[in-house]
Amino acid sequence: LPIDLQPRDSLMHLAEYSKFALDNKSQNYKLRISQFHTNISTASDSLSSSWNILLHCIIQ
């Protein structure tokens, strides 16, 4: 799962993960990601702990 990140007025960075899963409606469609690729990614792994909260807020 490649995720492109671009902060305002900054260069684009890539966070690459090997595994991801999307839960069902009863679990509020939580996106679970794991196995961050340090050798491919140009961003740090800042999404593993906060991504579930962010996605939940967007869907609601």
Protein backbone atom coordinates (compact mmCIF):
# COMPACT_ATOMS: atom_id res chain seq x y z
CA LEU A 1 0.00 0.00 0.00
CA PRO A 2 1.82 3.14 -1.12
CA ILE A 3 0.75 6.36 0.60
CA ASP A 4 1.94 9.68 -0.82
CA LEU A 5 2.28 12.48 1.72
CA GLN A 6 2.83 16.12 0.84
CA PRO A 7 2.84 18.74 3.56
CA ARG A 8 1.93 22.23 2.45
CA ASP A 9 4.84 23.95 0.67
CA SER A 10 7.06 20.88 0.92
CA LEU A 11 8.29 17.93 -1.11
CA MET A 12 6.19 14.79 -1.53
CA HIS A 13 7.19 11.75 0.54
CA LEU A 14 6.23 8.10 0.22
CA ALA A 15 5.30 5.67 3.00
CA GLU A 16 5.10 2.07 1.76
CA TYR A 17 3.46 -0.79 3.70
CA SER A 18 3.31 -4.51 2.79
CA LYS A 19 0.07 -5.40 4.52
CA PHE A 20 -3.25 -3.64 4.89
CA ALA A 21 -6.83 -4.60 5.67
CA LEU A 22 -10.11 -2.71 5.83
CA ASP A 23 -12.58 -3.72 8.54
CA ASN A 24 -16.33 -3.89 7.93
CA LYS A 25 -19.04 -1.34 8.73
CA SER A 26 -19.58 -2.66 12.27
CA GLN A 27 -15.90 -1.92 12.96
CA ASN A 28 -16.23 1.60 11.46
CA TYR A 29 -14.13 0.65 8.42
CA LYS A 30 -10.84 0.77 10.31
CA LEU A 31 -7.84 0.59 8.03
CA ARG A 32 -5.08 -1.56 9.48
CA ILE A 33 -1.59 -1.21 8.06
CA SER A 34 1.65 -2.98 8.95
CA GLN A 35 5.09 -3.93 7.72
CA PHE A 36 6.48 -0.49 6.90
CA HIS A 37 9.21 -0.59 4.22
CA THR A 38 12.16 1.47 5.41
CA ASN A 39 14.20 0.72 2.28
CA ILE A 40 11.52 2.08 -0.12
CA SER A 41 9.87 4.83 1.91
CA THR A 42 11.06 8.42 1.98
CA ALA A 43 8.74 9.26 4.90
CA SER A 44 8.92 7.97 8.44
CA ASP A 45 6.36 5.50 9.79
CA SER A 46 4.07 8.02 11.45
CA LEU A 47 0.81 6.46 10.24
CA SER A 48 0.79 3.07 11.97
CA SER A 49 -0.52 4.46 15.25
CA SER A 50 -2.66 7.39 14.02
CA TRP A 51 -4.16 6.18 10.73
CA ASN A 52 -7.14 4.36 12.31
CA ILE A 53 -8.26 7.53 14.09
CA LEU A 54 -7.88 9.67 10.97
CA LEU A 55 -9.80 7.32 8.70
CA HIS A 56 -12.59 6.94 11.27
CA CYS A 57 -13.01 10.73 11.44
CA ILE A 58 -13.14 11.06 7.64
CA ILE A 59 -15.81 8.36 7.22
CA GLN A 60 -18.02 9.69 10.01
